[in-house]
């Protein structure tokens, strides 16, 4: 990161609005060499099994987190071109 230039953060959930925001951020970061783009996603909770399910709540949560992380990694890979530094952050709320 260049001294004095803050990173660029984008809330990213895969929606069309998030795609547009990330594309705008990529263009902004390209104008500021050395700046890092951060894609941030707040992890939602999936419906949890109440009973009679073959999967435990922990298994459902782990699978859901893996799916959301995979989507975030795919977005990072799409936007991190031409040497652009993109970091991803998945947070539970």
N, C-alpha and C. Protein backbone atom coordinates (compact mmCIF):
# COMPACT_ATOMS: atom_id res chain seq x y z
N UNK A 1 0.85 -1.17 0.00
CA UNK A 1 0.00 0.00 0.00
C UNK A 1 0.89 1.23 0.00
N UNK A 2 0.51 2.21 -0.76
CA UNK A 2 1.26 3.46 -0.81
C UNK A 2 1.08 4.23 0.49
N UNK A 3 2.15 4.89 0.95
CA UNK A 3 2.02 5.67 2.18
C UNK A 3 0.94 6.74 2.03
N UNK A 4 0.09 6.84 3.03
CA UNK A 4 -0.93 7.87 3.02
C UNK A 4 -2.19 7.52 2.25
N UNK A 5 -2.18 6.42 1.52
CA UNK A 5 -3.38 6.03 0.78
C UNK A 5 -4.09 4.92 1.54
N UNK A 6 -5.31 5.16 1.93
CA UNK A 6 -6.04 4.11 2.65
C UNK A 6 -6.47 3.00 1.69
N UNK A 7 -6.70 1.81 2.22
CA UNK A 7 -7.22 0.74 1.37
C UNK A 7 -8.64 1.07 0.94
N UNK A 8 -9.10 0.37 -0.07
CA UNK A 8 -10.47 0.53 -0.55
C UNK A 8 -11.24 -0.71 -0.11
N UNK A 9 -12.35 -0.49 0.59
CA UNK A 9 -13.19 -1.59 1.07
C UNK A 9 -14.51 -1.59 0.33
N UNK A 10 -14.96 -2.78 -0.04
CA UNK A 10 -16.24 -2.93 -0.71
C UNK A 10 -17.01 -4.06 -0.03
N UNK A 11 -18.23 -3.75 0.38
CA UNK A 11 -19.12 -4.80 0.86
C UNK A 11 -19.54 -5.63 -0.34
N UNK A 12 -19.35 -6.94 -0.25
CA UNK A 12 -19.60 -7.79 -1.42
C UNK A 12 -20.45 -8.99 -1.04
N UNK A 13 -21.61 -9.09 -1.70
CA UNK A 13 -22.48 -10.25 -1.46
C UNK A 13 -22.84 -10.99 -2.75
N UNK A 14 -22.20 -10.61 -3.85
CA UNK A 14 -22.46 -11.28 -5.12
C UNK A 14 -23.63 -10.72 -5.89
N UNK A 15 -24.35 -9.76 -5.32
CA UNK A 15 -25.50 -9.17 -6.01
C UNK A 15 -25.04 -8.28 -7.15
N UNK A 16 -25.94 -7.93 -8.07
CA UNK A 16 -25.56 -7.02 -9.15
C UNK A 16 -25.02 -5.68 -8.63
N UNK A 17 -25.60 -5.16 -7.56
CA UNK A 17 -25.10 -3.90 -6.99
C UNK A 17 -23.68 -4.08 -6.45
N UNK A 18 -23.42 -5.21 -5.81
CA UNK A 18 -22.08 -5.47 -5.29
C UNK A 18 -21.07 -5.63 -6.43
N UNK A 19 -21.49 -6.26 -7.51
CA UNK A 19 -20.61 -6.40 -8.68
C UNK A 19 -20.24 -5.02 -9.23
N UNK A 20 -21.24 -4.14 -9.34
CA UNK A 20 -20.97 -2.78 -9.84
C UNK A 20 -20.05 -2.02 -8.89
N UNK A 21 -20.30 -2.15 -7.59
CA UNK A 21 -19.46 -1.46 -6.61
C UNK A 21 -18.02 -1.98 -6.68
N UNK A 22 -17.86 -3.28 -6.82
CA UNK A 22 -16.51 -3.84 -6.90
C UNK A 22 -15.82 -3.40 -8.18
N UNK A 23 -16.55 -3.35 -9.29
CA UNK A 23 -15.95 -2.89 -10.55
C UNK A 23 -15.51 -1.44 -10.43
N UNK A 24 -16.33 -0.61 -9.79
CA UNK A 24 -15.95 0.79 -9.57
C UNK A 24 -14.69 0.86 -8.71
N UNK A 25 -14.65 0.04 -7.65
CA UNK A 25 -13.51 0.05 -6.74
C UNK A 25 -12.23 -0.41 -7.46
N UNK A 26 -12.36 -1.40 -8.32
CA UNK A 26 -11.19 -1.86 -9.09
C UNK A 26 -10.63 -0.70 -9.91
N UNK A 27 -11.50 0.04 -10.57
CA UNK A 27 -11.04 1.19 -11.37
C UNK A 27 -10.37 2.23 -10.48
N UNK A 28 -10.94 2.48 -9.30
CA UNK A 28 -10.36 3.46 -8.38
C UNK A 28 -8.99 3.00 -7.89
N UNK A 29 -8.86 1.72 -7.57
CA UNK A 29 -7.59 1.19 -7.07
C UNK A 29 -6.53 1.22 -8.17
N UNK A 30 -6.92 0.96 -9.39
CA UNK A 30 -5.94 1.00 -10.50
C UNK A 30 -5.35 2.40 -10.67
N UNK A 31 -6.09 3.43 -10.28
CA UNK A 31 -5.58 4.80 -10.37
C UNK A 31 -4.66 5.14 -9.20
N UNK A 32 -4.59 4.25 -8.21
CA UNK A 32 -3.77 4.48 -7.01
C UNK A 32 -2.85 3.29 -6.81
N UNK A 33 -1.78 3.19 -7.60
CA UNK A 33 -0.89 2.03 -7.51
C UNK A 33 -0.46 1.75 -6.08
N UNK A 34 -0.46 0.48 -5.74
CA UNK A 34 -0.06 0.06 -4.41
C UNK A 34 -1.20 -0.03 -3.41
N UNK A 35 -2.37 0.44 -3.80
CA UNK A 35 -3.53 0.38 -2.91
C UNK A 35 -4.13 -1.02 -2.97
N UNK A 36 -4.62 -1.49 -1.85
CA UNK A 36 -5.21 -2.82 -1.77
C UNK A 36 -6.73 -2.70 -1.75
N UNK A 37 -7.38 -3.55 -2.53
CA UNK A 37 -8.84 -3.64 -2.52
C UNK A 37 -9.24 -4.76 -1.57
N UNK A 38 -10.15 -4.46 -0.66
CA UNK A 38 -10.65 -5.45 0.29
C UNK A 38 -12.12 -5.73 -0.02
N UNK A 39 -12.43 -6.99 -0.32
CA UNK A 39 -13.81 -7.42 -0.49
C UNK A 39 -14.26 -8.00 0.85
N UNK A 40 -15.33 -7.44 1.40
CA UNK A 40 -15.79 -7.82 2.73
C UNK A 40 -17.21 -8.37 2.63
N UNK A 41 -17.43 -9.48 3.28
CA UNK A 41 -18.77 -10.08 3.29
C UNK A 41 -19.15 -10.46 4.71
N UNK A 42 -20.34 -10.05 5.10
CA UNK A 42 -20.88 -10.47 6.39
C UNK A 42 -21.63 -11.78 6.15
N UNK A 43 -21.19 -12.81 6.81
CA UNK A 43 -21.77 -14.13 6.60
C UNK A 43 -23.16 -14.21 7.21
N UNK A 44 -24.09 -14.62 6.40
CA UNK A 44 -25.45 -14.84 6.88
C UNK A 44 -25.56 -16.24 7.47
N UNK A 45 -26.56 -16.44 8.28
CA UNK A 45 -26.78 -17.77 8.85
C UNK A 45 -27.82 -18.51 8.03
N UNK A 46 -27.54 -19.74 7.67
CA UNK A 46 -28.52 -20.53 6.92
C UNK A 46 -29.58 -21.07 7.86
N UNK A 47 -30.68 -21.54 7.31
CA UNK A 47 -31.66 -22.23 8.16
C UNK A 47 -31.00 -23.47 8.78
N UNK A 48 -31.15 -23.61 10.07
CA UNK A 48 -30.52 -24.74 10.76
C UNK A 48 -31.53 -25.85 10.97
N UNK A 49 -31.06 -27.09 10.95
CA UNK A 49 -31.98 -28.22 11.14
C UNK A 49 -32.54 -28.23 12.56
N UNK A 50 -33.82 -28.51 12.67
CA UNK A 50 -34.46 -28.55 13.98
C UNK A 50 -34.53 -29.96 14.54
N UNK A 51 -34.46 -30.90 13.70
CA UNK A 51 -34.53 -32.29 14.16
C UNK A 51 -34.83 -33.19 12.98
N UNK A 52 -34.42 -34.40 13.09
CA UNK A 52 -34.67 -35.36 12.03
C UNK A 52 -33.78 -35.17 10.81
N UNK A 53 -32.83 -34.26 10.91
CA UNK A 53 -31.92 -34.02 9.79
C UNK A 53 -30.72 -34.95 9.91
N UNK A 54 -30.18 -35.31 8.77
CA UNK A 54 -28.98 -36.15 8.77
C UNK A 54 -27.74 -35.32 9.09
N UNK A 55 -27.83 -34.00 8.95
CA UNK A 55 -26.68 -33.14 9.20
C UNK A 55 -26.88 -32.36 10.50
N UNK A 56 -25.80 -32.20 11.23
CA UNK A 56 -25.86 -31.42 12.46
C UNK A 56 -25.82 -29.93 12.11
N UNK A 57 -26.18 -29.10 13.07
CA UNK A 57 -26.11 -27.66 12.86
C UNK A 57 -24.68 -27.23 12.53
N UNK A 58 -23.71 -27.83 13.20
CA UNK A 58 -22.31 -27.49 12.94
C UNK A 58 -21.92 -27.83 11.50
N UNK A 59 -22.41 -28.95 11.00
CA UNK A 59 -22.11 -29.34 9.61
C UNK A 59 -22.76 -28.38 8.62
N UNK A 60 -24.00 -27.98 8.91
CA UNK A 60 -24.69 -27.03 8.03
C UNK A 60 -23.95 -25.70 8.01
N UNK A 61 -23.54 -25.22 9.19
CA UNK A 61 -22.81 -23.95 9.27
C UNK A 61 -21.47 -24.04 8.53
N UNK A 62 -20.76 -25.14 8.71
CA UNK A 62 -19.46 -25.30 8.05
C UNK A 62 -19.62 -25.33 6.53
N UNK A 63 -20.63 -26.03 6.04
CA UNK A 63 -20.86 -26.10 4.59
C UNK A 63 -21.25 -24.73 4.04
N UNK A 64 -22.07 -24.01 4.79
CA UNK A 64 -22.50 -22.68 4.37
C UNK A 64 -21.31 -21.72 4.32
N UNK A 65 -20.48 -21.76 5.36
CA UNK A 65 -19.30 -20.90 5.39
C UNK A 65 -18.36 -21.23 4.23
N UNK A 66 -18.17 -22.50 3.95
CA UNK A 66 -17.30 -22.90 2.84
C UNK A 66 -17.84 -22.40 1.52
N UNK A 67 -19.16 -22.46 1.34
CA UNK A 67 -19.78 -21.98 0.11
C UNK A 67 -19.61 -20.47 -0.04
N UNK A 68 -19.82 -19.73 1.04
CA UNK A 68 -19.67 -18.27 0.97
C UNK A 68 -18.21 -17.88 0.74
N UNK A 69 -17.29 -18.60 1.38
CA UNK A 69 -15.87 -18.31 1.17
C UNK A 69 -15.47 -18.61 -0.27
N UNK A 70 -15.98 -19.69 -0.82
CA UNK A 70 -15.67 -20.04 -2.21
C UNK A 70 -16.17 -18.95 -3.17
N UNK A 71 -17.36 -18.42 -2.92
CA UNK A 71 -17.89 -17.35 -3.76
C UNK A 71 -17.03 -16.09 -3.64
N UNK A 72 -16.57 -15.79 -2.44
CA UNK A 72 -15.72 -14.62 -2.23
C UNK A 72 -14.36 -14.82 -2.90
N UNK A 73 -13.82 -16.02 -2.83
CA UNK A 73 -12.55 -16.32 -3.49
C UNK A 73 -12.68 -16.20 -5.01
N UNK A 74 -13.80 -16.64 -5.55
CA UNK A 74 -14.02 -16.53 -7.00
C UNK A 74 -14.08 -15.06 -7.41
N UNK A 75 -14.74 -14.24 -6.60
CA UNK A 75 -14.79 -12.80 -6.89
C UNK A 75 -13.39 -12.20 -6.83
N UNK A 76 -12.63 -12.58 -5.82
CA UNK A 76 -11.25 -12.09 -5.72
C UNK A 76 -10.47 -12.45 -6.98
N UNK A 77 -10.60 -13.68 -7.42
CA UNK A 77 -9.85 -14.12 -8.59
C UNK A 77 -10.28 -13.36 -9.85
N UNK A 78 -11.55 -13.00 -9.95
CA UNK A 78 -12.03 -12.22 -11.11
C UNK A 78 -11.47 -10.81 -11.10
N UNK A 79 -11.41 -10.20 -9.91
CA UNK A 79 -11.01 -8.80 -9.83
C UNK A 79 -9.50 -8.61 -9.70
N UNK A 80 -8.78 -9.62 -9.24
CA UNK A 80 -7.33 -9.49 -9.03
C UNK A 80 -6.59 -9.79 -10.33
N UNK A 81 -6.68 -8.88 -11.26
CA UNK A 81 -5.99 -9.04 -12.54
C UNK A 81 -4.97 -7.93 -12.71
N UNK A 82 -3.98 -8.18 -13.51
CA UNK A 82 -2.99 -7.15 -13.80
C UNK A 82 -2.23 -6.69 -12.57
N UNK A 83 -2.01 -7.59 -11.62
CA UNK A 83 -1.24 -7.23 -10.44
C UNK A 83 -2.02 -6.52 -9.35
N UNK A 84 -3.32 -6.39 -9.52
CA UNK A 84 -4.15 -5.73 -8.51
C UNK A 84 -4.22 -6.60 -7.26
N UNK A 85 -3.93 -5.99 -6.11
CA UNK A 85 -3.97 -6.72 -4.84
C UNK A 85 -5.39 -6.69 -4.29
N UNK A 86 -5.97 -7.88 -4.10
CA UNK A 86 -7.32 -7.99 -3.57
C UNK A 86 -7.29 -8.96 -2.40
N UNK A 87 -7.79 -8.51 -1.26
CA UNK A 87 -7.90 -9.37 -0.09
C UNK A 87 -9.38 -9.60 0.20
N UNK A 88 -9.68 -10.76 0.78
CA UNK A 88 -11.07 -11.06 1.10
C UNK A 88 -11.22 -11.25 2.60
N UNK A 89 -12.42 -10.90 3.08
CA UNK A 89 -12.73 -11.01 4.51
C UNK A 89 -14.16 -11.50 4.65
N UNK A 90 -14.32 -12.62 5.31
CA UNK A 90 -15.65 -13.17 5.59
C UNK A 90 -15.83 -13.13 7.10
N UNK A 91 -16.85 -12.42 7.54
CA UNK A 91 -17.09 -12.24 8.97
C UNK A 91 -18.49 -12.68 9.33
N UNK A 92 -18.60 -13.36 10.45
CA UNK A 92 -19.92 -13.71 10.97
C UNK A 92 -20.47 -12.51 11.73
N UNK A 93 -21.77 -12.36 11.66
CA UNK A 93 -22.38 -11.30 12.48
C UNK A 93 -23.47 -11.87 13.32
